Amino acid sequence: MVLLRITWTKSQIGYRAGHREVVRSLGLRRLNQTVVHRDNPSIRGMVHKVAHLVTVEEIEEPEPAGRSKGRKRTVKNSGKEAKAKK
């Protein structure tokens, strides 16, 4: 899945209140802050509205870390269980 790395690069002073709200709703609180969102139409629409204030990069989502294909772990019985079996 594609992710969007959005960085707030230009101050919102002097722009409409709607632009300020969009920057805030993207999760950006400070200038030069970067957030990562999944690529979907609602995020794309917000980015389009404030494209003059932010920079956007498309990045690939890393593969989930799976279990290694090496040796399987074995669980040993505790001392109490071993004595109960004798």
C-alpha atoms as a PDB file:
ATOM      1  CA  MET A   1       0.000   0.000   0.000  1.00  0.00           C
ATOM      2  CA  VAL A   2       1.173   3.505  -0.771  1.00  0.00           C
ATOM      3  CA  LEU A   3       1.717   6.020   2.005  1.00  0.00           C
ATOM      4  CA  LEU A   4       1.994   9.784   1.782  1.00  0.00           C
ATOM      5  CA  ARG A   5       4.700  11.641   3.699  1.00  0.00           C
ATOM      6  CA  ILE A   6       3.349  15.164   4.203  1.00  0.00           C
ATOM      7  CA  THR A   7       5.628  17.957   5.444  1.00  0.00           C
ATOM      8  CA  TRP A   8       4.384  21.402   6.415  1.00  0.00           C
ATOM      9  CA  THR A   9       6.808  23.784   4.689  1.00  0.00           C
ATOM     10  CA  LYS A  10       5.169  27.229   4.529  1.00  0.00           C
ATOM     11  CA  SER A  11       3.449  29.317   7.204  1.00  0.00           C
ATOM     12  CA  GLN A  12      -0.321  29.613   7.072  1.00  0.00           C
ATOM     13  CA  ILE A  13      -0.338  33.235   8.226  1.00  0.00           C
ATOM     14  CA  GLY A  14      -2.373  35.326   5.822  1.00  0.00           C
ATOM     15  CA  TYR A  15      -4.334  32.386   4.385  1.00  0.00           C
ATOM     16  CA  ARG A  16      -7.968  31.482   4.907  1.00  0.00           C
ATOM     17  CA  ALA A  17      -9.207  29.844   8.097  1.00  0.00           C
ATOM     18  CA  GLY A  18     -10.228  26.783   6.088  1.00  0.00           C
ATOM     19  CA  HIS A  19      -6.615  26.218   5.092  1.00  0.00           C
ATOM     20  CA  ARG A  20      -5.549  26.419   8.738  1.00  0.00           C
ATOM     21  CA  GLU A  21      -8.185  23.841   9.658  1.00  0.00           C
ATOM     22  CA  VAL A  22      -7.029  21.466   6.934  1.00  0.00           C
ATOM     23  CA  VAL A  23      -3.388  21.708   8.015  1.00  0.00           C
ATOM     24  CA  ARG A  24      -4.465  20.992  11.594  1.00  0.00           C
ATOM     25  CA  SER A  25      -6.671  18.058  10.560  1.00  0.00           C
ATOM     26  CA  LEU A  26      -3.740  16.506   8.703  1.00  0.00           C
ATOM     27  CA  GLY A  27      -2.032  16.287  12.089  1.00  0.00           C
ATOM     28  CA  LEU A  28       0.477  19.051  11.472  1.00  0.00           C
ATOM     29  CA  ARG A  29       1.142  21.263  14.482  1.00  0.00           C
ATOM     30  CA  ARG A  30       4.510  22.924  13.782  1.00  0.00           C
ATOM     31  CA  LEU A  31       6.314  24.176  10.716  1.00  0.00           C
ATOM     32  CA  ASN A  32       8.643  21.565   9.149  1.00  0.00           C
ATOM     33  CA  GLN A  33       6.774  18.746  10.890  1.00  0.00           C
ATOM     34  CA  THR A  34       6.211  15.542   8.912  1.00  0.00           C
ATOM     35  CA  VAL A  35       3.319  13.090   9.178  1.00  0.00           C
ATOM     36  CA  VAL A  36       2.563   9.880   7.302  1.00  0.00           C
ATOM     37  CA  HIS A  37      -0.951   8.999   6.103  1.00  0.00           C
ATOM     38  CA  ARG A  38      -2.330   6.190   3.984  1.00  0.00           C
ATOM     39  CA  ASP A  39      -3.143   7.255   0.454  1.00  0.00           C
ATOM     40  CA  ASN A  40      -6.910   7.676   0.087  1.00  0.00           C
ATOM     41  CA  PRO A  41      -9.208  10.185  -1.608  1.00  0.00           C
ATOM     42  CA  SER A  42      -9.967  12.199   1.539  1.00  0.00           C
ATOM     43  CA  ILE A  43      -6.282  12.753   2.356  1.00  0.00           C
ATOM     44  CA  ARG A  44      -5.568  13.565  -1.298  1.00  0.00           C
ATOM     45  CA  GLY A  45      -8.349  16.176  -1.248  1.00  0.00           C
ATOM     46  CA  MET A  46      -6.963  17.829   1.868  1.00  0.00           C
ATOM     47  CA  VAL A  47      -3.460  17.869   0.403  1.00  0.00           C
ATOM     48  CA  HIS A  48      -4.801  19.375  -2.827  1.00  0.00           C
ATOM     49  CA  LYS A  49      -6.454  22.201  -0.873  1.00  0.00           C
ATOM     50  CA  VAL A  50      -3.222  23.188   0.922  1.00  0.00           C
ATOM     51  CA  ALA A  51      -0.704  22.139  -1.745  1.00  0.00           C
ATOM     52  CA  HIS A  52       0.906  25.589  -1.548  1.00  0.00           C
ATOM     53  CA  LEU A  53       1.709  25.033   2.156  1.00  0.00           C
ATOM     54  CA  VAL A  54       2.939  21.419   2.185  1.00  0.00           C
ATOM     55  CA  THR A  55       5.215  19.054   0.282  1.00  0.00           C
ATOM     56  CA  VAL A  56       4.131  15.480  -0.390  1.00  0.00           C
ATOM     57  CA  GLU A  57       6.128  12.329  -1.123  1.00  0.00           C
ATOM     58  CA  GLU A  58       4.754   8.906  -1.970  1.00  0.00           C
ATOM     59  CA  ILE A  59       6.451   6.081  -0.102  1.00  0.00           C
ATOM     60  CA  GLU A  60       5.883   2.343  -0.013  1.00  0.00           C
ATOM     61  CA  GLU A  61       4.603   0.754   3.179  1.00  0.00           C
ATOM     62  CA  PRO A  62       7.208  -1.652   4.599  1.00  0.00           C
ATOM     63  CA  GLU A  63       6.350  -5.338   4.659  1.00  0.00           C
ATOM     64  CA  PRO A  64       5.174  -6.577   8.069  1.00  0.00           C
ATOM     65  CA  ALA A  65       7.872  -8.327  10.037  1.00  0.00           C
ATOM     66  CA  GLY A  66       7.011 -11.996  10.017  1.00  0.00           C
ATOM     67  CA  ARG A  67       8.342 -14.858  12.047  1.00  0.00           C
ATOM     68  CA  SER A  68      11.723 -16.141  10.972  1.00  0.00           C
ATOM     69  CA  LYS A  69      11.765 -19.403   9.041  1.00  0.00           C
ATOM     70  CA  GLY A  70      14.474 -20.839  11.235  1.00  0.00           C
ATOM     71  CA  ARG A  71      14.182 -23.317  14.085  1.00  0.00           C
ATOM     72  CA  LYS A  72      10.895 -23.614  15.912  1.00  0.00           C
ATOM     73  CA  ARG A  73      10.926 -22.949  19.613  1.00  0.00           C
ATOM     74  CA  THR A  74      10.114 -25.760  21.994  1.00  0.00           C
ATOM     75  CA  VAL A  75       8.578 -25.211  25.389  1.00  0.00           C
ATOM     76  CA  LYS A  76      10.008 -27.296  28.207  1.00  0.00           C
ATOM     77  CA  ASN A  77       7.869 -28.541  31.049  1.00  0.00           C
ATOM     78  CA  SER A  78       8.334 -26.836  34.369  1.00  0.00           C
ATOM     79  CA  GLY A  79       9.652 -28.828  37.327  1.00  0.00           C
ATOM     80  CA  LYS A  80       6.197 -29.334  38.870  1.00  0.00           C
ATOM     81  CA  GLU A  81       4.732 -30.808  35.696  1.00  0.00           C
ATOM     82  CA  ALA A  82       7.696 -33.149  35.243  1.00  0.00           C
ATOM     83  CA  LYS A  83       7.333 -34.486  38.811  1.00  0.00           C
ATOM     84  CA  ALA A  84       3.589 -34.993  38.353  1.00  0.00           C
ATOM     85  CA  LYS A  85       4.184 -37.179  35.285  1.00  0.00           C
ATOM     86  CA  LYS A  86       6.515 -39.572  37.189  1.00  0.00           C
END
